[in-house]
Amino acid sequence: MERVEVVVTNRVGSNLVILDPCEDGEVKISVSVGGKDVGYVIVAEEGVVVLRAGRERL
């Protein structure tokens, strides 16, 4: 799987969502709102989803 960038637009503005594969079979989903990295979600192969804060606190 290669890196995929998706722009999600709503009435407030555009959010950038990046799907980035990791070495261990997980997929890192980064979320950027208004140009700020607000966090990311790690989706493990087993279907476990962990929400972690990014550079900015949620």
Protein backbone atom coordinates (compact mmCIF):
# COMPACT_ATOMS: atom_id res chain seq x y z
CA MET A 1 0.00 0.00 0.00
CA GLU A 2 1.31 3.44 -0.87
CA ARG A 3 0.70 6.74 0.88
CA VAL A 4 -2.68 8.29 0.08
CA GLU A 5 -3.67 11.92 0.69
CA VAL A 6 -7.35 12.87 0.90
CA VAL A 7 -8.80 16.35 1.38
CA VAL A 8 -12.13 16.37 3.23
CA THR A 9 -14.10 19.59 2.84
CA ASN A 10 -17.05 20.68 4.98
CA ARG A 11 -18.71 24.01 5.76
CA VAL A 12 -15.93 24.95 8.19
CA GLY A 13 -13.04 24.30 5.79
CA SER A 14 -10.75 21.65 4.39
CA ASN A 15 -9.11 18.89 6.42
CA LEU A 16 -6.18 16.88 5.06
CA VAL A 17 -6.21 13.17 5.89
CA ILE A 18 -3.09 11.13 5.06
CA LEU A 19 -3.02 7.32 5.04
CA ASP A 20 0.57 6.25 5.54
CA PRO A 21 1.59 2.56 5.75
CA CYS A 22 4.03 1.56 8.52
CA GLU A 23 6.64 -1.20 8.46
CA ASP A 24 4.77 -3.52 10.84
CA GLY A 25 1.56 -3.81 8.83
CA GLU A 26 -0.18 -0.90 10.55
CA VAL A 27 -1.59 2.13 8.76
CA LYS A 28 -0.98 5.60 10.18
CA ILE A 29 -3.82 8.03 9.46
CA SER A 30 -2.74 11.64 10.04
CA VAL A 31 -5.32 14.41 10.35
CA SER A 32 -4.54 18.06 9.59
CA VAL A 33 -7.18 20.72 10.27
CA GLY A 34 -6.60 24.20 8.88
CA GLY A 35 -2.97 23.37 8.15
CA LYS A 36 -2.34 22.15 11.74
CA ASP A 37 -1.49 18.52 12.50
CA VAL A 38 -4.05 17.67 15.19
CA GLY A 39 -3.43 13.97 15.63
CA TYR A 40 -3.30 10.56 14.10
CA VAL A 41 -4.90 7.14 14.37
CA ILE A 42 -2.99 3.87 14.12
CA VAL A 43 -5.02 1.05 12.59
CA ALA A 44 -3.45 -2.31 13.38
CA GLU A 45 -3.74 -5.40 11.20
CA GLU A 46 -5.89 -7.11 13.84
CA GLY A 47 -8.49 -4.35 13.57
CA VAL A 48 -7.46 -2.57 16.79
CA VAL A 49 -7.72 1.22 16.51
CA VAL A 50 -5.70 3.48 18.80
CA LEU A 51 -6.23 7.25 18.87
CA ARG A 52 -3.12 9.21 19.78
CA ALA A 53 -2.60 12.96 20.02
CA GLY A 54 -0.27 14.44 17.45
CA ARG A 55 1.86 17.56 17.76
CA GLU A 56 -1.14 19.65 18.81
CA ARG A 57 -3.28 18.62 21.76
CA LEU A 58 -6.87 17.71 20.86
